[in-house]
Amino acid sequence: MDITALQETLERHGEPGFRARQVWSWAARGANGYAEMTDVPAALRSRLAERIPFSTLEVEHEARSRDGTVKTLFRTGDGVPVEAVLMRFRDGRRSVCLSSQSGCPLTCTFCATGQMRFRRNLTASEMLDQALHFRRLEAIDHVVFMGMGEPMLNMDEVIAAARRLPDLGVTHRRTTVSTVGWLPGLRKFVDEVEEPIRLALSLHAAEPALRSQLMPVNDRYPLADVLAECRRYFELRRRKVFVEYVMLAGVNDRVEQARSLAELLDPKIFKVNLIPYNPTGSFAGSSPKAIAAFESELKRGGIPTTVRLTRGRDIAAACGQLAASA
């Protein structure tokens, strides 16, 4: 829900300050609407239902994968598309991937969102409503800001949303904010965010020329400067930085490229997640054999490495796919 509008409406009608906390607490615990808020007066519930939509988002389409993944395409009040994904894991984890923008202005060549028109930044309430949609289905315990958009271009709203996630059952230590290396936002994140929120870097190539080809942001903010800021995050927080590395066949998946990546990263600071590519355009995903060889070379270089489980491939769960088709 629009939390600011809720607070202003309650104040305008002379309601005590605790009413906003009451309403938010019900929503954060997974209530389906105002009618369930039994300790809020019935007349007030009726007024809120008339004046403050329970969600800032409307569901346009929802797809469910054989592996339990759920991907939802929303529309905001002004009609822009937003995606979010619930990932269910066998160990019981329930992780939600949230979008921070509708579209993305940074045009990474392998990303479906990067091929879309950028619309606008999302508000903190619009980000929370993505998570709340899935919270109404079941309890969630992890959140990653890795959906549509570059979170560091919308840092104030992203952190405002992240600071409310513990109310939904997601601690700061289980919240991760990802960046392709947008340096002004990253510096602000390192300098100003005191909560133990995790940091992830979408890297995808150790060679500057190739990274610029895949991710034009590298021309503006070179990788060396971005890595220096990641090291500063580690020095201040003593928490490792996740490196996201999508595996593109014949592009960035050779053993010698793994060797270059291992030489670039400090194993005390970085942990690499290798991501099997969910094809969205002109690239093909690396073979299991190539991924295994890449992983082996990184581990030989002392870099902590995991291969991420592929989720939701049968429902176009890669970031931006549903919105692009819509």
Protein backbone atom coordinates (compact mmCIF):
# COMPACT_ATOMS: atom_id res chain seq x y z
CA MET A 1 0.00 0.00 0.00
CA ASP A 2 1.01 3.62 -0.32
CA ILE A 3 2.37 4.05 3.19
CA THR A 4 2.76 7.82 2.91
CA ALA A 5 -0.81 8.25 1.69
CA LEU A 6 -2.02 5.97 4.49
CA GLN A 7 -0.28 8.04 7.16
CA GLU A 8 -1.51 11.34 5.70
CA THR A 9 -5.09 10.09 5.45
CA LEU A 10 -5.13 8.87 9.04
CA GLU A 11 -3.66 12.13 10.32
CA ARG A 12 -6.17 14.16 8.30
CA HIS A 13 -9.03 12.27 9.95
CA GLY A 14 -7.61 12.77 13.43
CA GLU A 15 -6.70 9.13 13.99
CA PRO A 16 -4.05 8.37 16.64
CA GLY A 17 -0.53 7.70 15.45
CA PHE A 18 -0.62 4.01 16.26
CA ARG A 19 -3.33 3.35 13.64
CA ALA A 20 -0.83 3.47 10.76
CA ARG A 21 1.39 1.01 12.60
CA GLN A 22 -1.61 -1.26 13.18
CA VAL A 23 -2.60 -1.28 9.52
CA TRP A 24 0.95 -1.80 8.32
CA SER A 25 1.48 -4.64 10.80
CA TRP A 26 -1.53 -6.50 9.41
CA ALA A 27 -0.37 -5.98 5.83
CA ALA A 28 3.19 -7.09 6.65
CA ARG A 29 1.89 -10.31 8.22
CA GLY A 30 0.06 -11.22 5.02
CA ALA A 31 -3.46 -9.87 5.46
CA ASN A 32 -5.50 -9.96 2.26
CA GLY A 33 -7.32 -6.71 2.87
CA TYR A 34 -8.59 -4.18 5.40
CA ALA A 35 -11.52 -6.42 6.34
CA GLU A 36 -9.14 -8.80 8.17
CA MET A 37 -7.82 -6.07 10.49
CA THR A 38 -10.06 -6.94 13.43
CA ASP A 39 -8.49 -4.50 15.92
CA VAL A 40 -9.09 -1.54 13.59
CA PRO A 41 -12.59 0.03 13.90
CA ALA A 42 -14.97 -1.16 11.18
CA ALA A 43 -15.85 2.38 10.10
CA LEU A 44 -12.18 3.23 9.63
CA ARG A 45 -11.60 0.06 7.66
CA SER A 46 -14.42 1.03 5.32
CA ARG A 47 -13.00 4.55 4.82
CA LEU A 48 -9.53 3.18 4.09
CA ALA A 49 -10.91 0.67 1.60
CA GLU A 50 -12.62 3.56 -0.24
CA ARG A 51 -9.64 5.91 -0.25
CA ILE A 52 -6.39 3.92 -0.07
CA PRO A 53 -6.02 0.92 -2.40
CA PHE A 54 -4.69 -2.04 -0.46
CA SER A 55 -1.90 -2.40 -3.04
CA THR A 56 -0.22 0.11 -5.35
CA LEU A 57 0.02 -2.70 -7.94
CA GLU A 58 -2.46 -4.73 -9.96
CA VAL A 59 -1.66 -8.26 -11.11
CA GLU A 60 -1.73 -8.52 -14.90
CA HIS A 61 -0.32 -12.01 -15.33
CA GLU A 62 1.09 -14.77 -13.12
CA ALA A 63 3.06 -17.82 -14.25
CA ARG A 64 3.93 -20.87 -12.17
CA SER A 65 6.86 -23.14 -12.91
CA ARG A 66 7.17 -26.87 -12.40
CA ASP A 67 9.95 -26.15 -9.89
CA GLY A 68 7.64 -24.00 -7.71
CA THR A 69 8.83 -20.62 -8.95
CA VAL A 70 6.10 -17.99 -9.33
CA LYS A 71 6.60 -14.95 -11.56
CA THR A 72 4.15 -12.07 -11.48
CA LEU A 73 3.72 -9.18 -13.90
CA PHE A 74 2.13 -6.16 -12.23
CA ARG A 75 0.94 -2.77 -13.44
CA THR A 76 1.39 0.32 -11.32
CA GLY A 77 -1.33 2.92 -10.85
CA ASP A 78 -0.01 4.81 -13.89
CA GLY A 79 0.20 1.64 -15.97
CA VAL A 80 3.91 0.85 -16.12
CA PRO A 81 4.98 -2.83 -15.99
CA VAL A 82 6.76 -4.32 -12.98
CA GLU A 83 7.95 -7.89 -12.40
CA ALA A 84 8.75 -9.89 -9.28
CA VAL A 85 9.60 -13.54 -8.70
CA LEU A 86 9.10 -15.94 -5.79
CA MET A 87 11.68 -18.74 -5.73
CA ARG A 88 11.01 -21.83 -3.62
CA PHE A 89 13.94 -24.04 -2.62
CA ARG A 90 13.98 -27.58 -1.29
CA ASP A 91 15.71 -26.52 1.92
CA GLY A 92 12.67 -24.41 2.79
CA ARG A 93 13.97 -21.00 1.70
CA ARG A 94 11.47 -18.64 0.13
CA SER A 95 13.29 -15.90 -1.74
CA VAL A 96 11.69 -12.97 -3.56
CA CYS A 97 13.39 -11.05 -6.36
CA LEU A 98 12.15 -7.44 -6.46
CA SER A 99 12.30 -4.78 -9.17
CA SER A 100 13.46 -1.25 -8.35
CA GLN A 101 12.61 0.35 -11.71
CA SER A 102 10.23 -0.25 -14.60
CA GLY A 103 12.64 -1.04 -17.38
CA CYS A 104 16.30 -0.07 -17.04
CA PRO A 105 18.36 2.72 -18.62
CA LEU A 106 21.70 0.87 -18.49
CA THR A 107 21.15 -1.46 -21.51
CA CYS A 108 23.19 -4.53 -20.56
CA THR A 109 23.17 -6.52 -23.80
CA PHE A 110 22.25 -9.94 -22.34
CA CYS A 111 19.36 -8.68 -20.18
CA ALA A 112 15.74 -8.62 -21.31
CA THR A 113 15.05 -5.58 -19.12
CA GLY A 114 17.91 -3.72 -20.78
CA GLN A 115 16.16 -4.18 -24.12
CA MET A 116 12.99 -2.48 -22.82
CA ARG A 117 12.16 1.20 -22.69
CA PHE A 118 12.95 2.71 -19.31
CA ARG A 119 9.81 4.09 -17.67
CA ARG A 120 10.62 5.34 -14.18
CA ASN A 121 11.92 4.58 -10.70
CA LEU A 122 9.59 2.70 -8.40
CA THR A 123 8.58 3.97 -4.98
CA ALA A 124 9.41 2.13 -1.78
CA SER A 125 5.71 1.23 -1.46
CA GLU A 126 5.67 -0.27 -4.98
CA MET A 127 8.69 -2.41 -4.10
CA LEU A 128 7.16 -3.53 -0.82
CA ASP A 129 3.89 -4.39 -2.57
CA GLN A 130 5.79 -6.83 -4.79
CA ALA A 131 7.02 -8.62 -1.66
CA LEU A 132 3.63 -8.36 0.06
CA HIS A 133 1.93 -10.05 -2.90
CA PHE A 134 3.99 -13.17 -2.23
CA ARG A 135 3.82 -12.77 1.56
CA ARG A 136 0.07 -13.23 1.21
CA LEU A 137 0.79 -16.63 -0.37
CA GLU A 138 3.27 -17.84 2.27
CA ALA A 139 6.06 -16.74 4.58
CA ILE A 140 9.19 -15.35 2.88
CA ASP A 141 12.68 -15.13 4.36
CA HIS A 142 15.05 -13.74 1.67
CA VAL A 143 14.81 -10.73 -0.65
CA VAL A 144 17.11 -9.72 -3.48
CA PHE A 145 16.83 -6.41 -5.30
CA MET A 146 17.92 -7.98 -8.60
CA GLY A 147 14.80 -7.65 -10.72
CA MET A 148 14.07 -4.98 -13.30
CA GLY A 149 16.27 -1.91 -13.03
CA GLU A 150 19.49 -0.77 -11.37
CA PRO A 151 18.88 -0.36 -7.61
CA MET A 152 21.75 2.10 -7.16
CA LEU A 153 19.94 4.54 -9.47
CA ASN A 154 17.04 4.54 -6.99
CA MET A 155 18.97 4.17 -3.77
CA ASP A 156 16.80 6.19 -1.38
CA GLU A 157 13.60 4.31 -2.24
CA VAL A 158 15.35 0.92 -2.30
CA ILE A 159 16.77 1.40 1.18
CA ALA A 160 13.46 2.76 2.48
CA ALA A 161 11.84 -0.47 1.27
CA ALA A 162 14.66 -2.65 2.63
CA ARG A 163 14.33 -1.09 6.07
CA ARG A 164 10.72 -2.30 6.32
CA LEU A 165 11.40 -5.86 5.17
CA PRO A 166 12.03 -7.21 8.71
CA ASP A 167 8.33 -6.55 9.36
CA LEU A 168 7.63 -9.13 6.62
CA GLY A 169 10.01 -11.67 8.18
CA VAL A 170 13.08 -10.84 6.08
CA THR A 171 16.08 -9.74 8.17
CA HIS A 172 18.65 -7.27 6.88
CA ARG A 173 21.23 -10.06 6.75
CA ARG A 174 18.96 -11.90 4.32
CA THR A 175 18.42 -8.85 2.13
CA THR A 176 20.71 -8.24 -0.86
CA VAL A 177 21.01 -5.21 -3.12
CA SER A 178 22.62 -5.78 -6.51
CA THR A 179 24.42 -3.33 -8.80
CA VAL A 180 26.06 -3.41 -12.21
CA GLY A 181 28.53 -0.87 -10.87
CA TRP A 182 26.70 2.47 -10.75
CA LEU A 183 29.35 4.19 -8.66
CA PRO A 184 27.49 7.21 -7.17
CA GLY A 185 24.76 4.98 -5.74
CA LEU A 186 27.27 2.38 -4.61
CA ARG A 187 29.29 4.99 -2.71
CA LYS A 188 26.12 6.21 -1.05
CA PHE A 189 25.19 2.65 -0.12
CA VAL A 190 28.62 2.07 1.47
CA ASP A 191 28.68 5.43 3.26
CA GLU A 192 25.12 5.72 4.53
CA VAL A 193 23.51 2.30 4.98
CA GLU A 194 24.25 1.15 8.52
CA GLU A 195 22.09 -1.99 8.45
CA PRO A 196 23.88 -5.27 7.55
CA ILE A 197 22.30 -5.46 4.08
CA ARG A 198 24.26 -7.60 1.63
CA LEU A 199 25.89 -6.27 -1.54
CA ALA A 200 26.05 -8.07 -4.89
CA LEU A 201 28.00 -6.99 -7.98
CA SER A 202 26.97 -8.03 -11.48
CA LEU A 203 30.40 -8.44 -13.05
CA HIS A 204 30.12 -10.90 -16.01
CA ALA A 205 33.60 -10.26 -17.46
CA ALA A 206 37.01 -9.56 -15.99
CA GLU A 207 38.38 -8.05 -19.23
CA PRO A 208 37.50 -4.33 -19.48
CA ALA A 209 36.80 -4.39 -23.24
CA LEU A 210 34.47 -7.37 -23.00
CA ARG A 211 32.72 -6.00 -19.93
CA SER A 212 32.11 -2.71 -21.74
CA GLN A 213 30.70 -4.64 -24.67
CA LEU A 214 28.30 -6.53 -22.41
CA MET A 215 27.67 -3.71 -19.94
CA PRO A 216 28.10 -0.15 -21.28
CA VAL A 217 28.17 1.20 -17.71
CA ASN A 218 31.79 -0.04 -17.56
CA ASP A 219 32.87 2.80 -19.86
CA ARG A 220 31.51 5.34 -17.40
CA TYR A 221 32.58 3.62 -14.18
CA PRO A 222 35.54 1.29 -14.76
CA LEU A 223 35.57 -2.01 -12.94
CA ALA A 224 38.72 -1.16 -10.96
CA ASP A 225 36.91 1.76 -9.30
CA VAL A 226 33.83 -0.35 -8.59
CA LEU A 227 35.90 -3.14 -7.02
CA ALA A 228 37.67 -0.57 -4.84
CA GLU A 229 34.27 0.49 -3.49
CA CYS A 230 33.36 -3.15 -2.86
CA ARG A 231 36.56 -3.56 -0.88
CA ARG A 232 35.61 -0.52 1.19
CA TYR A 233 32.22 -2.12 1.89
CA PHE A 234 34.02 -5.23 3.17
CA GLU A 235 36.41 -3.21 5.32
CA LEU A 236 33.51 -1.36 6.97
CA ARG A 237 31.05 -4.29 7.28
CA ARG A 238 33.30 -7.38 7.30
CA ARG A 239 30.75 -9.03 4.99
CA LYS A 240 31.64 -10.66 1.70
CA VAL A 241 30.42 -9.24 -1.59
CA PHE A 242 28.58 -11.61 -3.92
CA VAL A 243 29.79 -11.51 -7.52
CA GLU A 244 27.12 -12.43 -10.07
CA TYR A 245 28.55 -13.91 -13.26
CA VAL A 246 26.14 -15.02 -15.99
CA MET A 247 27.59 -17.78 -18.18
CA LEU A 248 27.39 -16.92 -21.90
CA ALA A 249 28.51 -19.62 -24.36
CA GLY A 250 31.65 -18.64 -26.26
CA VAL A 251 31.64 -15.15 -24.78
CA ASN A 252 32.83 -15.20 -21.15
CA ASP A 253 33.02 -18.90 -20.24
CA ARG A 254 36.53 -19.98 -21.23
CA VAL A 255 38.91 -21.40 -18.62
CA GLU A 256 41.44 -18.62 -19.23
CA GLN A 257 38.68 -16.10 -18.49
CA ALA A 258 38.02 -17.88 -15.20
CA ARG A 259 41.73 -17.57 -14.45
CA SER A 260 41.59 -13.82 -15.11
CA LEU A 261 38.58 -13.49 -12.84
CA ALA A 262 40.34 -15.39 -10.05
CA GLU A 263 43.35 -13.08 -10.36
CA LEU A 264 41.08 -10.04 -10.17
CA LEU A 265 39.19 -10.97 -6.99
CA ASP A 266 40.37 -11.24 -3.40
CA PRO A 267 38.98 -14.49 -1.95
CA LYS A 268 38.67 -12.88 1.49
CA ILE A 269 36.25 -10.29 0.07
CA PHE A 270 34.35 -11.86 -2.83
CA LYS A 271 32.25 -14.95 -3.41
CA VAL A 272 31.26 -15.82 -6.99
CA ASN A 273 27.82 -17.05 -8.05
CA LEU A 274 27.90 -18.55 -11.54
CA ILE A 275 24.51 -18.13 -13.20
CA PRO A 276 23.38 -20.46 -16.00
CA TYR A 277 21.98 -18.12 -18.63
CA ASN A 278 18.24 -18.03 -19.22
CA PRO A 279 18.29 -17.05 -22.94
CA THR A 280 16.55 -13.76 -23.71
CA GLY A 281 18.06 -12.72 -27.04
CA SER A 282 21.17 -13.16 -29.15
CA PHE A 283 23.24 -15.05 -26.55
CA ALA A 284 23.25 -18.77 -25.71
CA GLY A 285 23.86 -20.26 -22.29
CA SER A 286 27.07 -22.10 -21.49
CA SER A 287 27.01 -25.88 -21.38
CA PRO A 288 27.11 -27.71 -18.02
CA LYS A 289 30.61 -28.91 -18.96
CA ALA A 290 31.85 -25.34 -19.56
CA ILE A 291 30.28 -24.13 -16.31
CA ALA A 292 31.89 -26.97 -14.36
CA ALA A 293 35.32 -26.21 -15.86
CA PHE A 294 34.91 -22.50 -15.07
CA GLU A 295 33.90 -23.28 -11.50
CA SER A 296 36.84 -25.65 -11.07
CA GLU A 297 39.32 -23.02 -12.26
CA LEU A 298 37.94 -20.40 -9.87
CA LYS A 299 38.16 -22.79 -6.95
CA ARG A 300 41.69 -23.70 -7.98
CA GLY A 301 42.45 -19.99 -7.65
CA GLY A 302 40.99 -19.98 -4.14
CA ILE A 303 37.77 -18.13 -4.99
CA PRO A 304 34.64 -19.35 -3.12
CA THR A 305 32.25 -20.30 -5.92
CA THR A 306 28.77 -21.75 -6.31
CA VAL A 307 26.62 -22.46 -9.36
CA ARG A 308 23.17 -20.99 -8.93
CA LEU A 309 20.22 -23.30 -9.40
CA THR A 310 18.23 -22.54 -12.55
CA ARG A 311 14.73 -21.47 -11.57
CA GLY A 312 11.62 -20.88 -13.63
CA ARG A 313 13.08 -21.42 -17.10
CA ASP A 314 9.76 -22.83 -18.32
CA ILE A 315 7.89 -19.62 -17.39
CA ALA A 316 10.28 -16.98 -18.83
CA ALA A 317 11.53 -16.13 -15.35
CA ALA A 318 14.57 -14.17 -16.52
CA CYS A 319 14.32 -10.51 -15.54
CA GLY A 320 12.17 -8.52 -17.95
CA GLN A 321 10.89 -11.38 -20.10
CA LEU A 322 7.23 -11.14 -19.12
CA ALA A 323 7.14 -7.36 -19.33
CA ALA A 324 8.92 -7.33 -22.68
CA SER A 325 6.42 -9.77 -24.16
CA ALA A 326 3.50 -7.83 -22.67
